[in-house]
């Protein structure tokens, strides 16, 4: 099927956002997609904050975006917007790094006051980067995501239902991508 780049914009290794993305990655993989996780927090800060386009980690991230058919972008919401570490990476990618790609925006946060962050903060940036199709995103409340002592994750039933629906819509949209014949 398709190659999906699953980007976690959380600055924390143990964040609910990161764990939720990896949980959803398994669903996409079960549907036959190749899923490549990218945790932005693992890119060296000096490369991100110093805008070092030639740093091997930035070059690799750029190549991962180029290779992907679809991109899942997940972020915690801070001050009504997506994370700064995600912003730093998006700023270093080529202007049209999402050209021709299907994108699923996801966000997590502590309050429904931040639910519009996807549409008013993240979606415009993804669109400006040339995304061919940005499917309906989803905001999940932190209280609906439970990380158990053994590291497993559970999501409240209403949130699970909504996330399943948006992930499946994303998967379907990936399957509808036109197949381009190879140039002779």
N, C-alpha and C. Protein backbone atom coordinates (compact mmCIF):
# COMPACT_ATOMS: atom_id res chain seq x y z
N UNK A 1 0.83 -1.18 0.00
CA UNK A 1 0.00 0.00 0.00
C UNK A 1 0.88 1.24 0.00
N UNK A 2 0.65 2.15 0.94
CA UNK A 2 1.35 3.43 0.97
C UNK A 2 2.40 3.47 2.07
N UNK A 3 3.34 4.39 1.89
CA UNK A 3 4.32 4.67 2.93
C UNK A 3 3.83 5.87 3.71
N UNK A 4 3.73 5.71 5.03
CA UNK A 4 3.22 6.75 5.91
C UNK A 4 4.32 7.19 6.86
N UNK A 5 4.58 8.49 6.88
CA UNK A 5 5.50 9.06 7.86
C UNK A 5 4.66 9.56 9.02
N UNK A 6 4.92 9.05 10.21
CA UNK A 6 4.15 9.40 11.41
C UNK A 6 5.02 10.29 12.29
N UNK A 7 4.73 11.58 12.29
CA UNK A 7 5.58 12.58 12.92
C UNK A 7 5.01 12.99 14.28
N UNK A 8 5.79 12.75 15.32
CA UNK A 8 5.40 13.19 16.67
C UNK A 8 6.11 14.51 16.96
N UNK A 9 5.32 15.55 17.16
CA UNK A 9 5.86 16.86 17.48
C UNK A 9 5.96 17.12 18.97
N UNK A 10 5.95 16.07 19.76
CA UNK A 10 6.04 16.24 21.21
C UNK A 10 7.50 16.33 21.64
N UNK A 11 7.81 17.27 22.52
CA UNK A 11 9.18 17.36 23.03
C UNK A 11 9.50 16.32 24.10
N UNK A 12 8.50 15.54 24.52
CA UNK A 12 8.68 14.57 25.61
C UNK A 12 8.60 13.13 25.10
N UNK A 13 9.54 12.31 25.53
CA UNK A 13 9.55 10.90 25.13
C UNK A 13 8.37 10.13 25.70
N UNK A 14 7.89 10.54 26.85
CA UNK A 14 6.81 9.80 27.50
C UNK A 14 5.44 10.47 27.33
N UNK A 15 5.33 11.33 26.35
CA UNK A 15 4.09 12.09 26.19
C UNK A 15 2.94 11.23 25.71
N UNK A 16 1.75 11.66 26.04
CA UNK A 16 0.54 10.99 25.55
C UNK A 16 0.46 11.12 24.03
N UNK A 17 0.86 12.25 23.51
CA UNK A 17 0.81 12.47 22.06
C UNK A 17 1.65 11.41 21.35
N UNK A 18 2.87 11.24 21.80
CA UNK A 18 3.78 10.28 21.17
C UNK A 18 3.22 8.86 21.29
N UNK A 19 2.75 8.50 22.45
CA UNK A 19 2.21 7.15 22.65
C UNK A 19 0.94 6.93 21.82
N UNK A 20 0.10 7.95 21.70
CA UNK A 20 -1.11 7.83 20.89
C UNK A 20 -0.74 7.63 19.42
N UNK A 21 0.23 8.38 18.94
CA UNK A 21 0.65 8.20 17.54
C UNK A 21 1.14 6.78 17.29
N UNK A 22 1.98 6.28 18.17
CA UNK A 22 2.52 4.93 17.95
C UNK A 22 1.40 3.89 18.03
N UNK A 23 0.40 4.14 18.83
CA UNK A 23 -0.79 3.28 18.92
C UNK A 23 -1.52 3.30 17.57
N UNK A 24 -1.70 4.48 17.00
CA UNK A 24 -2.38 4.59 15.71
C UNK A 24 -1.52 4.05 14.56
N UNK A 25 -0.22 4.14 14.70
CA UNK A 25 0.69 3.56 13.70
C UNK A 25 0.41 2.07 13.52
N UNK A 26 0.14 1.40 14.62
CA UNK A 26 -0.13 -0.05 14.54
C UNK A 26 -1.39 -0.33 13.72
N UNK A 27 -2.39 0.52 13.83
CA UNK A 27 -3.61 0.34 13.04
C UNK A 27 -3.29 0.52 11.55
N UNK A 28 -2.52 1.54 11.23
CA UNK A 28 -2.16 1.77 9.83
C UNK A 28 -1.32 0.63 9.28
N UNK A 29 -0.39 0.12 10.08
CA UNK A 29 0.44 -1.01 9.65
C UNK A 29 -0.43 -2.25 9.43
N UNK A 30 -1.41 -2.46 10.29
CA UNK A 30 -2.32 -3.61 10.14
C UNK A 30 -3.15 -3.50 8.87
N UNK A 31 -3.32 -2.27 8.38
CA UNK A 31 -4.06 -2.07 7.14
C UNK A 31 -3.16 -2.20 5.91
N UNK A 32 -1.90 -2.55 6.15
CA UNK A 32 -0.98 -2.82 5.05
C UNK A 32 -0.04 -1.69 4.68
N UNK A 33 -0.08 -0.59 5.40
CA UNK A 33 0.81 0.54 5.10
C UNK A 33 2.16 0.34 5.76
N UNK A 34 3.19 0.82 5.11
CA UNK A 34 4.51 0.88 5.73
C UNK A 34 4.52 2.18 6.55
N UNK A 35 4.74 2.06 7.85
CA UNK A 35 4.71 3.23 8.73
C UNK A 35 6.12 3.49 9.26
N UNK A 36 6.56 4.72 9.06
CA UNK A 36 7.88 5.15 9.53
C UNK A 36 7.68 6.20 10.61
N UNK A 37 8.04 5.89 11.86
CA UNK A 37 7.88 6.89 12.92
C UNK A 37 9.03 7.90 12.91
N UNK A 38 8.69 9.15 13.17
CA UNK A 38 9.70 10.21 13.31
C UNK A 38 9.34 11.02 14.55
N UNK A 39 10.18 10.94 15.56
CA UNK A 39 9.99 11.72 16.77
C UNK A 39 10.88 12.96 16.65
N UNK A 40 10.29 14.11 16.45
CA UNK A 40 11.05 15.34 16.22
C UNK A 40 12.01 15.60 17.37
N UNK A 41 11.64 15.22 18.58
CA UNK A 41 12.49 15.47 19.74
C UNK A 41 13.85 14.77 19.63
N UNK A 42 13.98 13.77 18.76
CA UNK A 42 15.26 13.07 18.61
C UNK A 42 16.22 13.79 17.66
N UNK A 43 15.73 14.80 16.97
CA UNK A 43 16.60 15.59 16.10
C UNK A 43 17.38 16.55 16.99
N UNK A 44 18.70 16.61 16.84
CA UNK A 44 19.50 17.47 17.72
C UNK A 44 19.01 18.92 17.73
N UNK A 45 18.90 19.47 18.93
CA UNK A 45 18.42 20.85 19.11
C UNK A 45 19.26 21.84 18.32
N UNK A 46 20.57 21.61 18.27
CA UNK A 46 21.42 22.56 17.55
C UNK A 46 21.10 22.59 16.06
N UNK A 47 20.66 21.47 15.52
CA UNK A 47 20.27 21.43 14.10
C UNK A 47 18.96 22.17 13.90
N UNK A 48 17.99 21.93 14.79
CA UNK A 48 16.68 22.58 14.67
C UNK A 48 16.76 24.08 14.94
N UNK A 49 17.35 24.44 16.07
CA UNK A 49 17.37 25.85 16.47
C UNK A 49 18.40 26.68 15.71
N UNK A 50 19.42 26.01 15.19
CA UNK A 50 20.43 26.70 14.40
C UNK A 50 20.11 26.72 12.92
N UNK A 51 18.95 26.17 12.57
CA UNK A 51 18.51 26.12 11.16
C UNK A 51 19.61 25.56 10.26
N UNK A 52 20.16 24.42 10.69
CA UNK A 52 21.25 23.78 9.94
C UNK A 52 20.66 22.80 8.92
N UNK A 53 20.37 23.32 7.74
CA UNK A 53 19.76 22.52 6.68
C UNK A 53 20.64 21.36 6.24
N UNK A 54 21.96 21.45 6.49
CA UNK A 54 22.89 20.41 6.05
C UNK A 54 23.16 19.36 7.11
N UNK A 55 22.61 19.54 8.32
CA UNK A 55 22.82 18.57 9.38
C UNK A 55 22.24 17.22 8.94
N UNK A 56 22.97 16.12 9.15
CA UNK A 56 22.49 14.81 8.70
C UNK A 56 21.07 14.47 9.18
N UNK A 57 20.70 14.87 10.39
CA UNK A 57 19.36 14.57 10.89
C UNK A 57 18.29 15.35 10.13
N UNK A 58 18.59 16.57 9.72
CA UNK A 58 17.64 17.38 8.95
C UNK A 58 17.55 16.83 7.53
N UNK A 59 18.67 16.45 6.96
CA UNK A 59 18.68 15.86 5.62
C UNK A 59 17.87 14.56 5.63
N UNK A 60 18.06 13.74 6.66
CA UNK A 60 17.32 12.48 6.76
C UNK A 60 15.82 12.74 6.90
N UNK A 61 15.44 13.69 7.74
CA UNK A 61 14.02 14.01 7.92
C UNK A 61 13.42 14.49 6.60
N UNK A 62 14.14 15.32 5.88
CA UNK A 62 13.67 15.82 4.58
C UNK A 62 13.46 14.67 3.62
N UNK A 63 14.38 13.72 3.62
CA UNK A 63 14.25 12.54 2.75
C UNK A 63 13.06 11.68 3.15
N UNK A 64 12.79 11.56 4.45
CA UNK A 64 11.63 10.79 4.91
C UNK A 64 10.32 11.43 4.42
N UNK A 65 10.24 12.75 4.49
CA UNK A 65 9.05 13.44 3.99
C UNK A 65 8.91 13.22 2.49
N UNK A 66 10.02 13.29 1.76
CA UNK A 66 9.97 13.11 0.31
C UNK A 66 9.51 11.70 -0.07
N UNK A 67 9.90 10.73 0.71
CA UNK A 67 9.59 9.32 0.43
C UNK A 67 8.14 8.95 0.74
N UNK A 68 7.53 9.67 1.66
CA UNK A 68 6.20 9.31 2.16
C UNK A 68 5.10 9.64 1.15
N UNK A 69 4.10 8.77 1.14
CA UNK A 69 2.87 9.03 0.37
C UNK A 69 1.90 9.83 1.23
N UNK A 70 1.93 9.56 2.53
CA UNK A 70 1.05 10.23 3.48
C UNK A 70 1.81 10.57 4.74
N UNK A 71 1.33 11.59 5.44
CA UNK A 71 2.00 12.03 6.66
C UNK A 71 0.94 12.22 7.76
N UNK A 72 1.20 11.60 8.91
CA UNK A 72 0.41 11.85 10.10
C UNK A 72 1.23 12.81 10.94
N UNK A 73 0.64 13.93 11.33
CA UNK A 73 1.34 14.91 12.15
C UNK A 73 0.60 15.03 13.47
N UNK A 74 1.26 14.64 14.55
CA UNK A 74 0.67 14.71 15.87
C UNK A 74 1.42 15.69 16.75
N UNK A 75 0.68 16.46 17.53
CA UNK A 75 1.32 17.45 18.38
C UNK A 75 0.50 17.69 19.65
N UNK A 76 1.18 17.95 20.74
CA UNK A 76 0.46 18.48 21.89
C UNK A 76 0.16 19.95 21.59
N UNK A 77 -0.88 20.46 22.21
CA UNK A 77 -1.22 21.87 22.02
C UNK A 77 -0.72 22.65 23.22
N UNK A 78 0.08 23.67 22.91
CA UNK A 78 0.60 24.58 23.92
C UNK A 78 0.19 26.00 23.53
N UNK A 79 -0.47 26.72 24.42
CA UNK A 79 -0.86 28.10 24.16
C UNK A 79 -1.60 28.23 22.83
N UNK A 80 -2.56 27.33 22.61
CA UNK A 80 -3.46 27.35 21.44
C UNK A 80 -2.77 27.10 20.11
N UNK A 81 -1.60 26.46 20.14
CA UNK A 81 -0.90 26.16 18.89
C UNK A 81 -0.13 24.85 19.02
N UNK A 82 0.43 24.42 17.91
CA UNK A 82 1.24 23.20 17.91
C UNK A 82 2.60 23.48 18.55
N UNK A 83 3.33 22.44 18.83
CA UNK A 83 4.58 22.57 19.59
C UNK A 83 5.67 23.32 18.82
N UNK A 84 6.52 23.97 19.58
CA UNK A 84 7.64 24.70 18.99
C UNK A 84 8.63 23.79 18.29
N UNK A 85 8.85 22.60 18.82
CA UNK A 85 9.79 21.68 18.19
C UNK A 85 9.26 21.23 16.82
N UNK A 86 7.95 21.06 16.70
CA UNK A 86 7.36 20.73 15.40
C UNK A 86 7.51 21.91 14.45
N UNK A 87 7.24 23.12 14.94
CA UNK A 87 7.39 24.33 14.12
C UNK A 87 8.82 24.43 13.61
N UNK A 88 9.80 24.18 14.47
CA UNK A 88 11.21 24.27 14.06
C UNK A 88 11.50 23.31 12.91
N UNK A 89 10.98 22.09 12.98
CA UNK A 89 11.21 21.14 11.89
C UNK A 89 10.50 21.58 10.62
N UNK A 90 9.24 21.94 10.72
CA UNK A 90 8.49 22.34 9.52
C UNK A 90 9.17 23.52 8.83
N UNK A 91 9.75 24.42 9.61
CA UNK A 91 10.45 25.58 9.02
C UNK A 91 11.68 25.18 8.23
N UNK A 92 12.28 24.03 8.56
CA UNK A 92 13.50 23.61 7.88
C UNK A 92 13.24 22.72 6.66
N UNK A 93 12.02 22.29 6.49
CA UNK A 93 11.69 21.47 5.33
C UNK A 93 11.53 22.35 4.10
N UNK A 94 11.68 21.76 2.90
CA UNK A 94 11.43 22.54 1.69
C UNK A 94 10.01 23.10 1.70
N UNK A 95 9.80 24.23 1.03
CA UNK A 95 8.51 24.90 1.03
C UNK A 95 7.36 23.97 0.66
N UNK A 96 7.57 23.08 -0.30
CA UNK A 96 6.50 22.20 -0.74
C UNK A 96 6.79 20.74 -0.38
N UNK A 97 7.26 20.54 0.82
CA UNK A 97 7.60 19.19 1.30
C UNK A 97 6.40 18.26 1.35
N UNK A 98 5.19 18.82 1.39
CA UNK A 98 3.98 17.98 1.46
C UNK A 98 3.25 17.91 0.12
N UNK A 99 3.85 18.42 -0.92
CA UNK A 99 3.21 18.42 -2.24
C UNK A 99 2.83 17.00 -2.65
N UNK A 100 1.58 16.84 -3.03
CA UNK A 100 1.08 15.54 -3.49
C UNK A 100 0.80 14.55 -2.38
N UNK A 101 0.91 14.96 -1.15
CA UNK A 101 0.74 14.03 -0.03
C UNK A 101 -0.62 14.20 0.66
N UNK A 102 -1.10 13.10 1.23
CA UNK A 102 -2.29 13.12 2.06
C UNK A 102 -1.81 13.28 3.50
N UNK A 103 -2.45 14.17 4.25
CA UNK A 103 -1.99 14.48 5.60
C UNK A 103 -3.13 14.34 6.60
N UNK A 104 -2.81 13.74 7.74
CA UNK A 104 -3.74 13.61 8.86
C UNK A 104 -3.19 14.39 10.04
N UNK A 105 -3.82 15.52 10.41
CA UNK A 105 -3.38 16.27 11.59
C UNK A 105 -4.08 15.78 12.86
N UNK A 106 -3.30 15.58 13.91
CA UNK A 106 -3.83 15.14 15.20
C UNK A 106 -3.24 16.02 16.29
N UNK A 107 -4.02 16.25 17.34
CA UNK A 107 -3.51 17.04 18.46
C UNK A 107 -4.06 16.48 19.77
N UNK A 108 -3.32 16.72 20.82
CA UNK A 108 -3.75 16.36 22.17
C UNK A 108 -3.62 17.60 23.05
N UNK A 109 -4.45 17.64 24.09
CA UNK A 109 -4.36 18.77 25.00
C UNK A 109 -5.24 18.58 26.22
N UNK A 110 -5.05 19.43 27.16
CA UNK A 110 -5.74 19.30 28.43
C UNK A 110 -7.12 19.90 28.48
N UNK A 111 -7.50 20.68 27.48
CA UNK A 111 -8.78 21.38 27.54
C UNK A 111 -9.40 21.50 26.16
N UNK A 112 -10.72 21.44 26.12
CA UNK A 112 -11.41 21.62 24.84
C UNK A 112 -11.26 23.04 24.32
N UNK A 113 -10.73 23.94 25.12
CA UNK A 113 -10.47 25.31 24.66
C UNK A 113 -9.46 25.32 23.52
N UNK A 114 -8.70 24.23 23.37
CA UNK A 114 -7.66 24.16 22.34
C UNK A 114 -8.06 23.34 21.12
N UNK A 115 -9.31 22.93 21.05
CA UNK A 115 -9.74 22.03 19.99
C UNK A 115 -9.56 22.63 18.58
N UNK A 116 -9.61 23.94 18.46
CA UNK A 116 -9.49 24.55 17.13
C UNK A 116 -8.04 24.76 16.70
N UNK A 117 -7.09 24.35 17.52
CA UNK A 117 -5.68 24.51 17.15
C UNK A 117 -5.35 23.79 15.85
N UNK A 118 -6.00 22.67 15.59
CA UNK A 118 -5.75 21.95 14.35
C UNK A 118 -6.14 22.83 13.16
N UNK A 119 -7.35 23.38 13.20
CA UNK A 119 -7.86 24.14 12.05
C UNK A 119 -7.27 25.53 11.92
N UNK A 120 -6.95 26.18 13.04
CA UNK A 120 -6.47 27.56 12.97
C UNK A 120 -4.96 27.72 13.08
N UNK A 121 -4.26 26.71 13.54
CA UNK A 121 -2.80 26.82 13.66
C UNK A 121 -2.09 25.82 12.75
N UNK A 122 -2.45 24.54 12.83
CA UNK A 122 -1.70 23.51 12.10
C UNK A 122 -2.11 23.39 10.63
N UNK A 123 -3.40 23.32 10.36
CA UNK A 123 -3.87 23.12 8.98
C UNK A 123 -3.34 24.18 8.00
N UNK A 124 -3.32 25.47 8.36
CA UNK A 124 -2.79 26.45 7.41
C UNK A 124 -1.33 26.21 7.03
N UNK A 125 -0.53 25.79 7.99
CA UNK A 125 0.88 25.51 7.69
C UNK A 125 1.00 24.30 6.77
N UNK A 126 0.25 23.25 7.07
CA UNK A 126 0.29 22.05 6.23
C UNK A 126 -0.18 22.37 4.81
N UNK A 127 -1.18 23.19 4.71
CA UNK A 127 -1.68 23.60 3.40
C UNK A 127 -0.63 24.42 2.65
N UNK A 128 0.03 25.33 3.35
CA UNK A 128 1.05 26.17 2.69
C UNK A 128 2.24 25.36 2.21
N UNK A 129 2.39 24.16 2.77
CA UNK A 129 3.49 23.28 2.36
C UNK A 129 3.08 22.37 1.21
N UNK A 130 1.90 22.62 0.64
CA UNK A 130 1.49 21.93 -0.58
C UNK A 130 0.74 20.64 -0.41
N UNK A 131 0.27 20.32 0.78
CA UNK A 131 -0.45 19.06 0.98
C UNK A 131 -1.57 18.93 -0.05
N UNK A 132 -1.64 17.78 -0.71
CA UNK A 132 -2.66 17.55 -1.72
C UNK A 132 -4.03 17.41 -1.08
N UNK A 133 -4.07 16.75 0.06
CA UNK A 133 -5.34 16.50 0.74
C UNK A 133 -5.08 16.41 2.24
N UNK A 134 -5.71 17.29 3.00
CA UNK A 134 -5.62 17.24 4.45
C UNK A 134 -6.96 16.70 4.93
N UNK A 135 -6.93 15.47 5.43
CA UNK A 135 -8.17 14.85 5.88
C UNK A 135 -8.59 15.45 7.21
N UNK A 136 -9.82 15.14 7.61
CA UNK A 136 -10.32 15.62 8.90
C UNK A 136 -9.37 15.19 10.00
N UNK A 137 -8.95 16.13 10.83
CA UNK A 137 -8.08 15.81 11.94
C UNK A 137 -8.88 15.51 13.18
N UNK A 138 -8.17 15.30 14.29
CA UNK A 138 -8.86 15.02 15.53
C UNK A 138 -8.05 15.53 16.71
N UNK A 139 -8.75 16.12 17.68
CA UNK A 139 -8.17 16.58 18.93
C UNK A 139 -8.61 15.62 20.02
N UNK A 140 -7.66 15.08 20.76
CA UNK A 140 -7.96 14.15 21.84
C UNK A 140 -7.56 14.77 23.17
N UNK A 141 -8.48 14.76 24.10
CA UNK A 141 -8.19 15.27 25.44
C UNK A 141 -7.21 14.35 26.16
N UNK A 142 -6.28 14.94 26.89
CA UNK A 142 -5.32 14.16 27.67
C UNK A 142 -6.02 13.17 28.59
N UNK A 143 -7.14 13.59 29.18
CA UNK A 143 -7.84 12.72 30.14
C UNK A 143 -8.41 11.47 29.47
N UNK A 144 -8.52 11.47 28.14
CA UNK A 144 -9.03 10.30 27.42
C UNK A 144 -7.93 9.30 27.05
N UNK A 145 -6.69 9.65 27.38
CA UNK A 145 -5.55 8.79 27.07
C UNK A 145 -4.93 8.34 28.38
N UNK A 146 -4.91 7.04 28.61
CA UNK A 146 -4.34 6.50 29.84
C UNK A 146 -3.13 5.62 29.50
N UNK A 147 -2.02 5.95 30.14
CA UNK A 147 -0.82 5.14 29.99
C UNK A 147 -0.70 4.31 31.27
N UNK A 148 -0.68 3.00 31.09
CA UNK A 148 -0.63 2.09 32.23
C UNK A 148 0.81 1.84 32.66
N UNK A 149 0.98 1.31 33.87
CA UNK A 149 2.33 1.06 34.40
C UNK A 149 3.19 0.19 33.50
N UNK A 150 2.57 -0.75 32.78
CA UNK A 150 3.33 -1.63 31.90
C UNK A 150 3.65 -0.97 30.55
N UNK A 151 3.26 0.32 30.40
CA UNK A 151 3.56 1.04 29.17
C UNK A 151 2.45 0.96 28.13
N UNK A 152 1.47 0.10 28.37
CA UNK A 152 0.37 -0.01 27.41
C UNK A 152 -0.51 1.24 27.47
N UNK A 153 -1.30 1.40 26.44
CA UNK A 153 -2.13 2.58 26.31
C UNK A 153 -3.58 2.19 26.14
N UNK A 154 -4.45 2.94 26.77
CA UNK A 154 -5.88 2.78 26.50
C UNK A 154 -6.46 4.16 26.23
N UNK A 155 -7.45 4.18 25.35
CA UNK A 155 -8.09 5.42 24.96
C UNK A 155 -9.57 5.27 25.27
N UNK A 156 -10.18 6.30 25.85
CA UNK A 156 -11.60 6.26 26.20
C UNK A 156 -12.43 5.90 24.96
N UNK A 157 -13.49 5.11 25.13
CA UNK A 157 -14.28 4.63 23.99
C UNK A 157 -14.74 5.70 22.99
N UNK A 158 -15.28 6.84 23.42
CA UNK A 158 -15.69 7.82 22.41
C UNK A 158 -14.51 8.35 21.58
N UNK A 159 -13.37 8.56 22.24
CA UNK A 159 -12.18 9.02 21.52
C UNK A 159 -11.65 7.92 20.61
N UNK A 160 -11.71 6.67 21.07
CA UNK A 160 -11.27 5.55 20.22
C UNK A 160 -12.10 5.48 18.95
N UNK A 161 -13.40 5.63 19.11
CA UNK A 161 -14.29 5.59 17.95
C UNK A 161 -13.95 6.70 16.95
N UNK A 162 -13.76 7.91 17.44
CA UNK A 162 -13.44 9.04 16.57
C UNK A 162 -12.08 8.87 15.91
N UNK A 163 -11.08 8.43 16.68
CA UNK A 163 -9.74 8.22 16.12
C UNK A 163 -9.74 7.12 15.07
N UNK A 164 -10.48 6.06 15.33
CA UNK A 164 -10.58 4.97 14.36
C UNK A 164 -11.16 5.50 13.06
N UNK A 165 -12.17 6.32 13.16
CA UNK A 165 -12.81 6.87 11.97
C UNK A 165 -11.85 7.76 11.17
N UNK A 166 -11.13 8.68 11.83
CA UNK A 166 -10.24 9.57 11.08
C UNK A 166 -9.04 8.81 10.51
N UNK A 167 -8.53 7.83 11.25
CA UNK A 167 -7.41 7.04 10.74
C UNK A 167 -7.86 6.21 9.53
N UNK A 168 -9.04 5.64 9.61
CA UNK A 168 -9.55 4.86 8.48
C UNK A 168 -9.83 5.75 7.26
N UNK A 169 -10.31 6.97 7.49
CA UNK A 169 -10.53 7.90 6.38
C UNK A 169 -9.19 8.27 5.74
N UNK A 170 -8.19 8.47 6.55
CA UNK A 170 -6.84 8.75 6.05
C UNK A 170 -6.34 7.58 5.22
N UNK A 171 -6.49 6.37 5.74
CA UNK A 171 -6.06 5.17 5.04
C UNK A 171 -6.77 5.03 3.70
N UNK A 172 -8.06 5.29 3.69
CA UNK A 172 -8.83 5.22 2.45
C UNK A 172 -8.35 6.27 1.47
N UNK A 173 -8.10 7.48 1.95
CA UNK A 173 -7.61 8.54 1.07
C UNK A 173 -6.25 8.18 0.46
N UNK A 174 -5.41 7.50 1.23
CA UNK A 174 -4.12 7.05 0.70
C UNK A 174 -4.32 6.04 -0.42
N UNK A 175 -5.32 5.19 -0.26
CA UNK A 175 -5.59 4.17 -1.27
C UNK A 175 -6.14 4.73 -2.55
N UNK A 176 -6.65 5.95 -2.52
CA UNK A 176 -7.24 6.57 -3.71
C UNK A 176 -6.23 7.42 -4.47
N UNK A 177 -5.01 7.45 -4.00
CA UNK A 177 -3.98 8.25 -4.69
C UNK A 177 -3.79 7.70 -6.10
N UNK A 178 -3.71 8.57 -7.10
CA UNK A 178 -3.50 8.07 -8.45
C UNK A 178 -2.11 7.44 -8.59
N UNK A 179 -2.05 6.37 -9.33
CA UNK A 179 -0.78 5.71 -9.59
C UNK A 179 -0.22 6.30 -10.86
N UNK A 180 0.94 6.90 -10.76
CA UNK A 180 1.56 7.53 -11.92
C UNK A 180 2.49 6.55 -12.60
N UNK A 181 2.39 6.49 -13.92
CA UNK A 181 3.26 5.60 -14.67
C UNK A 181 4.68 6.13 -14.61
N UNK A 182 5.64 5.23 -14.56
CA UNK A 182 7.04 5.62 -14.53
C UNK A 182 7.41 6.27 -15.86
N UNK A 183 8.22 7.31 -15.79
CA UNK A 183 8.66 7.98 -17.02
C UNK A 183 9.59 7.06 -17.80
N UNK A 184 9.43 7.05 -19.10
CA UNK A 184 10.30 6.20 -19.93
C UNK A 184 11.58 6.87 -20.26
